[in-house]
Amino acid sequence: MRLLALAVLALLLAAPAYACTKHPTQSAMEAEFICPECHTPLDESDSPIAQQMKVHIHTWIASGWSECRIKSTLLAQFGPAVLGVPATHGFDLLAWVLPLGGIGVAAVLVGFGAWVWSSNRSGGPAPAASGLTPEQERRVDEELARFDA
């Protein structure tokens, strides 16, 4: 039991460490941020502030900064609006949960609607492909045979 608890604790502690890349790449870091001036991805922006941010990111990577340190520095300077994707904790978690929850609820509603629709169908004989009942089909055939004779 102690071994299992120790393994779970190790996994929980390893997750945050794994989430922070020690040697990020320039292109990966630029793809994670939004230019605060023109609101386009940093790797696509040519605004003066975006150029400065790119130079800073390059310098920080060359100095050996981790991804987490670069992120926290840019967040301190520009605020959370500079992030390209919402955070996965706190209030920002709603940006991830609501769409996925909506898809789940919609799938359940469609499934329930299909079940109700299929259970309300009558078990009687289906009409012919022409939309006529078998009795009407017989009468049409009799009338056609009478006119052909």
C-alpha atoms as a PDB file:
ATOM      1  CA  MET A   1       0.000   0.000   0.000  1.00  0.00           C
ATOM      2  CA  ARG A   2       2.858   2.359   0.836  1.00  0.00           C
ATOM      3  CA  LEU A   3       4.516   1.576  -2.465  1.00  0.00           C
ATOM      4  CA  LEU A   4       1.319   2.460  -4.357  1.00  0.00           C
ATOM      5  CA  ALA A   5       0.963   5.745  -2.454  1.00  0.00           C
ATOM      6  CA  LEU A   6       4.613   6.548  -3.151  1.00  0.00           C
ATOM      7  CA  ALA A   7       4.142   5.836  -6.878  1.00  0.00           C
ATOM      8  CA  VAL A   8       1.042   8.060  -7.060  1.00  0.00           C
ATOM      9  CA  LEU A   9       2.893  10.847  -5.226  1.00  0.00           C
ATOM     10  CA  ALA A  10       5.829  10.554  -7.627  1.00  0.00           C
ATOM     11  CA  LEU A  11       3.492  10.808 -10.623  1.00  0.00           C
ATOM     12  CA  LEU A  12       1.752  13.861  -9.179  1.00  0.00           C
ATOM     13  CA  LEU A  13       5.056  15.602  -8.562  1.00  0.00           C
ATOM     14  CA  ALA A  14       6.465  14.639 -11.948  1.00  0.00           C
ATOM     15  CA  ALA A  15       3.562  16.133 -13.948  1.00  0.00           C
ATOM     16  CA  PRO A  16       4.366  19.814 -13.240  1.00  0.00           C
ATOM     17  CA  ALA A  17       8.058  19.211 -13.846  1.00  0.00           C
ATOM     18  CA  TYR A  18       7.302  17.477 -17.133  1.00  0.00           C
ATOM     19  CA  ALA A  19       5.034  20.345 -18.243  1.00  0.00           C
ATOM     20  CA  CYS A  20       7.956  22.793 -18.159  1.00  0.00           C
ATOM     21  CA  THR A  21      10.414  22.284 -21.019  1.00  0.00           C
ATOM     22  CA  LYS A  22      13.987  23.026 -20.039  1.00  0.00           C
ATOM     23  CA  HIS A  23      15.176  23.666 -23.600  1.00  0.00           C
ATOM     24  CA  PRO A  24      12.317  25.270 -25.564  1.00  0.00           C
ATOM     25  CA  THR A  25      12.670  26.160 -29.219  1.00  0.00           C
ATOM     26  CA  GLN A  26      12.151  29.639 -30.630  1.00  0.00           C
ATOM     27  CA  SER A  27       9.349  28.569 -32.967  1.00  0.00           C
ATOM     28  CA  ALA A  28       7.510  26.634 -30.246  1.00  0.00           C
ATOM     29  CA  MET A  29       7.633  29.596 -27.886  1.00  0.00           C
ATOM     30  CA  GLU A  30       6.509  32.074 -30.539  1.00  0.00           C
ATOM     31  CA  ALA A  31       3.546  29.853 -31.398  1.00  0.00           C
ATOM     32  CA  GLU A  32       2.302  29.969 -27.798  1.00  0.00           C
ATOM     33  CA  PHE A  33       1.960  33.747 -27.569  1.00  0.00           C
ATOM     34  CA  ILE A  34      -0.197  36.474 -29.098  1.00  0.00           C
ATOM     35  CA  CYS A  35       1.107  39.898 -30.072  1.00  0.00           C
ATOM     36  CA  PRO A  36      -0.413  42.394 -27.608  1.00  0.00           C
ATOM     37  CA  GLU A  37      -0.529  45.075 -30.304  1.00  0.00           C
ATOM     38  CA  CYS A  38      -2.133  43.370 -33.308  1.00  0.00           C
ATOM     39  CA  HIS A  39      -3.645  40.278 -31.577  1.00  0.00           C
ATOM     40  CA  THR A  40      -2.198  37.792 -34.065  1.00  0.00           C
ATOM     41  CA  PRO A  41       0.051  34.854 -33.184  1.00  0.00           C
ATOM     42  CA  LEU A  42       3.524  36.077 -32.330  1.00  0.00           C
ATOM     43  CA  ASP A  43       5.143  33.912 -35.000  1.00  0.00           C
ATOM     44  CA  GLU A  44       2.995  35.618 -37.680  1.00  0.00           C
ATOM     45  CA  SER A  45       3.265  39.197 -36.414  1.00  0.00           C
ATOM     46  CA  ASP A  46       5.749  41.798 -37.621  1.00  0.00           C
ATOM     47  CA  SER A  47       4.734  44.633 -35.291  1.00  0.00           C
ATOM     48  CA  PRO A  48       7.491  46.411 -33.341  1.00  0.00           C
ATOM     49  CA  ILE A  49       6.407  44.915 -30.014  1.00  0.00           C
ATOM     50  CA  ALA A  50       6.329  41.429 -31.566  1.00  0.00           C
ATOM     51  CA  GLN A  51       9.858  41.914 -32.901  1.00  0.00           C
ATOM     52  CA  GLN A  52      11.021  42.934 -29.412  1.00  0.00           C
ATOM     53  CA  MET A  53       9.322  39.920 -27.861  1.00  0.00           C
ATOM     54  CA  LYS A  54      10.982  37.604 -30.399  1.00  0.00           C
ATOM     55  CA  VAL A  55      14.399  39.083 -29.610  1.00  0.00           C
ATOM     56  CA  HIS A  56      13.801  38.666 -25.869  1.00  0.00           C
ATOM     57  CA  ILE A  57      12.648  35.065 -26.316  1.00  0.00           C
ATOM     58  CA  HIS A  58      15.735  34.315 -28.425  1.00  0.00           C
ATOM     59  CA  THR A  59      18.001  35.869 -25.787  1.00  0.00           C
ATOM     60  CA  TRP A  60      16.316  34.022 -22.938  1.00  0.00           C
ATOM     61  CA  ILE A  61      16.523  30.674 -24.749  1.00  0.00           C
ATOM     62  CA  ALA A  62      20.205  31.293 -25.464  1.00  0.00           C
ATOM     63  CA  SER A  63      20.687  32.046 -21.749  1.00  0.00           C
ATOM     64  CA  GLY A  64      19.171  28.681 -20.840  1.00  0.00           C
ATOM     65  CA  TRP A  65      15.822  29.829 -19.506  1.00  0.00           C
ATOM     66  CA  SER A  66      13.087  27.213 -19.229  1.00  0.00           C
ATOM     67  CA  GLU A  67       9.722  27.489 -20.948  1.00  0.00           C
ATOM     68  CA  CYS A  68       8.003  28.177 -17.613  1.00  0.00           C
ATOM     69  CA  ARG A  69      10.371  31.018 -16.777  1.00  0.00           C
ATOM     70  CA  ILE A  70       9.884  32.649 -20.190  1.00  0.00           C
ATOM     71  CA  LYS A  71       6.095  32.279 -19.888  1.00  0.00           C
ATOM     72  CA  SER A  72       5.966  33.729 -16.405  1.00  0.00           C
ATOM     73  CA  THR A  73       8.158  36.679 -17.433  1.00  0.00           C
ATOM     74  CA  LEU A  74       5.984  37.519 -20.447  1.00  0.00           C
ATOM     75  CA  LEU A  75       2.819  37.056 -18.388  1.00  0.00           C
ATOM     76  CA  ALA A  76       4.163  39.459 -15.755  1.00  0.00           C
ATOM     77  CA  GLN A  77       4.929  42.053 -18.448  1.00  0.00           C
ATOM     78  CA  PHE A  78       1.823  41.767 -20.643  1.00  0.00           C
ATOM     79  CA  GLY A  79      -0.816  39.895 -18.648  1.00  0.00           C
ATOM     80  CA  PRO A  80      -2.794  36.753 -19.554  1.00  0.00           C
ATOM     81  CA  ALA A  81      -3.995  38.221 -22.873  1.00  0.00           C
ATOM     82  CA  VAL A  82      -0.571  37.416 -24.344  1.00  0.00           C
ATOM     83  CA  LEU A  83      -1.204  33.656 -24.103  1.00  0.00           C
ATOM     84  CA  GLY A  84      -2.296  31.947 -27.298  1.00  0.00           C
ATOM     85  CA  VAL A  85      -4.394  29.356 -25.461  1.00  0.00           C
ATOM     86  CA  PRO A  86      -6.271  29.700 -22.178  1.00  0.00           C
ATOM     87  CA  ALA A  87      -4.724  28.268 -19.036  1.00  0.00           C
ATOM     88  CA  THR A  88      -5.851  24.841 -17.859  1.00  0.00           C
ATOM     89  CA  HIS A  89      -6.576  25.907 -14.290  1.00  0.00           C
ATOM     90  CA  GLY A  90      -8.791  28.346 -12.440  1.00  0.00           C
ATOM     91  CA  PHE A  91     -11.486  30.289 -14.271  1.00  0.00           C
ATOM     92  CA  ASP A  92      -9.757  29.764 -17.637  1.00  0.00           C
ATOM     93  CA  LEU A  93     -10.490  26.053 -17.337  1.00  0.00           C
ATOM     94  CA  LEU A  94     -14.055  26.891 -18.408  1.00  0.00           C
ATOM     95  CA  ALA A  95     -12.753  27.660 -21.896  1.00  0.00           C
ATOM     96  CA  TRP A  96     -11.792  23.980 -22.170  1.00  0.00           C
ATOM     97  CA  VAL A  97     -14.651  22.394 -20.210  1.00  0.00           C
ATOM     98  CA  LEU A  98     -17.673  24.205 -21.658  1.00  0.00           C
ATOM     99  CA  PRO A  99     -17.186  23.206 -25.320  1.00  0.00           C
ATOM    100  CA  LEU A 100     -16.392  19.613 -24.402  1.00  0.00           C
ATOM    101  CA  GLY A 101     -19.303  19.512 -21.966  1.00  0.00           C
ATOM    102  CA  GLY A 102     -21.609  20.973 -24.611  1.00  0.00           C
ATOM    103  CA  ILE A 103     -20.582  18.291 -27.086  1.00  0.00           C
ATOM    104  CA  GLY A 104     -21.227  15.617 -24.453  1.00  0.00           C
ATOM    105  CA  VAL A 105     -24.656  17.004 -23.555  1.00  0.00           C
ATOM    106  CA  ALA A 106     -25.586  17.292 -27.247  1.00  0.00           C
ATOM    107  CA  ALA A 107     -24.556  13.671 -27.848  1.00  0.00           C
ATOM    108  CA  VAL A 108     -26.695  12.503 -24.923  1.00  0.00           C
ATOM    109  CA  LEU A 109     -29.680  14.544 -26.147  1.00  0.00           C
ATOM    110  CA  VAL A 110     -29.371  13.210 -29.699  1.00  0.00           C
ATOM    111  CA  GLY A 111     -29.122   9.656 -28.378  1.00  0.00           C
ATOM    112  CA  PHE A 112     -32.143  10.148 -26.118  1.00  0.00           C
ATOM    113  CA  GLY A 113     -34.124  11.721 -28.963  1.00  0.00           C
ATOM    114  CA  ALA A 114     -33.302   8.791 -31.254  1.00  0.00           C
ATOM    115  CA  TRP A 115     -34.346   6.334 -28.549  1.00  0.00           C
ATOM    116  CA  VAL A 116     -37.678   8.151 -27.964  1.00  0.00           C
ATOM    117  CA  TRP A 117     -38.326   8.420 -31.707  1.00  0.00           C
ATOM    118  CA  SER A 118     -37.641   4.745 -32.298  1.00  0.00           C
ATOM    119  CA  SER A 119     -39.751   3.607 -29.341  1.00  0.00           C
ATOM    120  CA  ASN A 120     -42.779   5.704 -30.443  1.00  0.00           C
ATOM    121  CA  ARG A 121     -42.976   4.182 -33.913  1.00  0.00           C
ATOM    122  CA  SER A 122     -46.012   1.969 -34.456  1.00  0.00           C
ATOM    123  CA  GLY A 123     -45.435  -1.732 -34.893  1.00  0.00           C
ATOM    124  CA  GLY A 124     -48.038  -2.108 -37.679  1.00  0.00           C
ATOM    125  CA  PRO A 125     -47.300  -3.038 -41.257  1.00  0.00           C
ATOM    126  CA  ALA A 126     -45.383  -0.452 -43.200  1.00  0.00           C
ATOM    127  CA  PRO A 127     -47.122   1.106 -46.200  1.00  0.00           C
ATOM    128  CA  ALA A 128     -45.919   0.121 -49.647  1.00  0.00           C
ATOM    129  CA  ALA A 129     -43.240   2.146 -51.367  1.00  0.00           C
ATOM    130  CA  SER A 130     -45.947   4.090 -53.228  1.00  0.00           C
ATOM    131  CA  GLY A 131     -47.460   5.280 -49.934  1.00  0.00           C
ATOM    132  CA  LEU A 132     -50.624   3.155 -50.417  1.00  0.00           C
ATOM    133  CA  THR A 133     -51.938   0.529 -48.034  1.00  0.00           C
ATOM    134  CA  PRO A 134     -52.135  -3.070 -49.256  1.00  0.00           C
ATOM    135  CA  GLU A 135     -55.922  -2.712 -49.711  1.00  0.00           C
ATOM    136  CA  GLN A 136     -55.465   0.380 -51.872  1.00  0.00           C
ATOM    137  CA  GLU A 137     -52.741  -1.373 -53.889  1.00  0.00           C
ATOM    138  CA  ARG A 138     -55.142  -4.298 -54.556  1.00  0.00           C
ATOM    139  CA  ARG A 139     -57.900  -1.949 -55.708  1.00  0.00           C
ATOM    140  CA  VAL A 140     -55.547  -0.044 -58.047  1.00  0.00           C
ATOM    141  CA  ASP A 141     -54.349  -3.343 -59.550  1.00  0.00           C
ATOM    142  CA  GLU A 142     -57.976  -4.461 -60.105  1.00  0.00           C
ATOM    143  CA  GLU A 143     -58.882  -1.189 -61.810  1.00  0.00           C
ATOM    144  CA  LEU A 144     -55.808  -1.286 -64.048  1.00  0.00           C
ATOM    145  CA  ALA A 145     -56.538  -4.886 -65.005  1.00  0.00           C
ATOM    146  CA  ARG A 146     -60.128  -3.904 -65.913  1.00  0.00           C
ATOM    147  CA  PHE A 147     -58.930  -1.094 -68.211  1.00  0.00           C
ATOM    148  CA  ASP A 148     -56.307  -3.301 -69.887  1.00  0.00           C
ATOM    149  CA  ALA A 149     -58.932  -5.876 -70.865  1.00  0.00           C
END
